[in-house]
Amino acid sequence: MEIREVFARNLRRYRKAAGLSQEELAHRADVDRTYISALERSVYGATIDVVDKLANVLGIEAADLLRRPAPNVQR
């Protein structure tokens, strides 16, 4: 999975967990709502500054938005 896809999935998951709409997240992070939508669809890659802004609004570490899911362990 590409890092842009990892970021998109994590952003959507953390945004929903925080109970925020794309519009509210965008407002609080001072970015455009369509930009949030594009990030969640992997259309754009976010700059490190935007990753930090979004993480601050979501109350998480920036690294959490870039963390790949743990591999599935099959037994």
Protein backbone atom coordinates (compact mmCIF):
# COMPACT_ATOMS: atom_id res chain seq x y z
CA MET A 1 0.00 0.00 0.00
CA GLU A 2 1.35 3.41 -1.00
CA ILE A 3 1.99 5.95 1.78
CA ARG A 4 -0.62 8.27 0.27
CA GLU A 5 -3.24 5.52 0.65
CA VAL A 6 -2.10 4.82 4.22
CA PHE A 7 -2.46 8.51 5.03
CA ALA A 8 -5.90 8.71 3.38
CA ARG A 9 -7.26 5.74 5.32
CA ASN A 10 -5.84 6.95 8.61
CA LEU A 11 -7.09 10.49 8.09
CA ARG A 12 -10.63 9.27 7.39
CA ARG A 13 -10.56 6.87 10.34
CA TYR A 14 -9.29 9.43 12.85
CA ARG A 15 -11.64 12.13 11.52
CA LYS A 16 -14.66 9.90 11.91
CA ALA A 17 -13.50 8.72 15.34
CA ALA A 18 -13.31 12.39 16.38
CA GLY A 19 -16.86 12.89 15.11
CA LEU A 20 -15.80 15.58 12.63
CA SER A 21 -17.12 16.22 9.16
CA GLN A 22 -14.66 17.01 6.41
CA GLU A 23 -15.90 20.59 6.55
CA GLU A 24 -15.34 20.92 10.31
CA LEU A 25 -11.86 19.37 10.12
CA ALA A 26 -10.97 21.70 7.24
CA HIS A 27 -12.24 24.73 9.15
CA ARG A 28 -10.29 23.86 12.30
CA ALA A 29 -7.10 23.11 10.32
CA ASP A 30 -7.53 26.22 8.14
CA VAL A 31 -7.59 24.31 4.85
CA ASP A 32 -10.26 23.91 2.17
CA ARG A 33 -12.88 21.19 2.55
CA THR A 34 -12.28 19.97 -0.98
CA TYR A 35 -8.62 19.50 -0.04
CA ILE A 36 -9.63 17.20 2.85
CA SER A 37 -11.82 15.26 0.44
CA ALA A 38 -8.96 14.95 -2.05
CA LEU A 39 -6.57 13.80 0.70
CA GLU A 40 -9.02 11.12 1.83
CA ARG A 41 -9.32 9.91 -1.77
CA SER A 42 -5.52 9.85 -2.28
CA VAL A 43 -5.78 12.48 -5.02
CA TYR A 44 -3.21 14.75 -3.37
CA GLY A 45 -0.29 14.15 -1.07
CA ALA A 46 -0.16 16.34 2.01
CA THR A 47 2.85 18.41 2.98
CA ILE A 48 4.44 17.71 6.35
CA ASP A 49 3.00 21.00 7.62
CA VAL A 50 -0.54 19.94 6.67
CA VAL A 51 -0.03 16.52 8.26
CA ASP A 52 0.98 18.29 11.46
CA LYS A 53 -2.00 20.70 11.35
CA LEU A 54 -4.46 17.85 10.83
CA ALA A 55 -2.90 15.74 13.58
CA ASN A 56 -3.10 18.67 16.02
CA VAL A 57 -6.79 19.17 15.27
CA LEU A 58 -7.43 15.44 15.67
CA GLY A 59 -5.46 15.30 18.92
CA ILE A 60 -2.99 12.71 17.68
CA GLU A 61 0.67 12.57 16.68
CA ALA A 62 1.52 13.29 13.06
CA ALA A 63 3.13 9.85 12.86
CA ASP A 64 -0.25 8.26 13.59
CA LEU A 65 -1.52 9.53 10.25
CA LEU A 66 1.39 7.85 8.46
CA ARG A 67 1.43 4.56 10.38
CA ARG A 68 0.91 1.51 8.20
CA PRO A 69 -1.52 -1.11 9.49
CA ALA A 70 0.02 -4.06 11.27
CA PRO A 71 0.43 -7.04 8.95
CA ASN A 72 -2.13 -9.78 9.38
CA VAL A 73 -0.58 -12.77 11.07
CA GLN A 74 -1.95 -16.01 9.72
CA ARG A 75 -1.70 -19.14 11.79
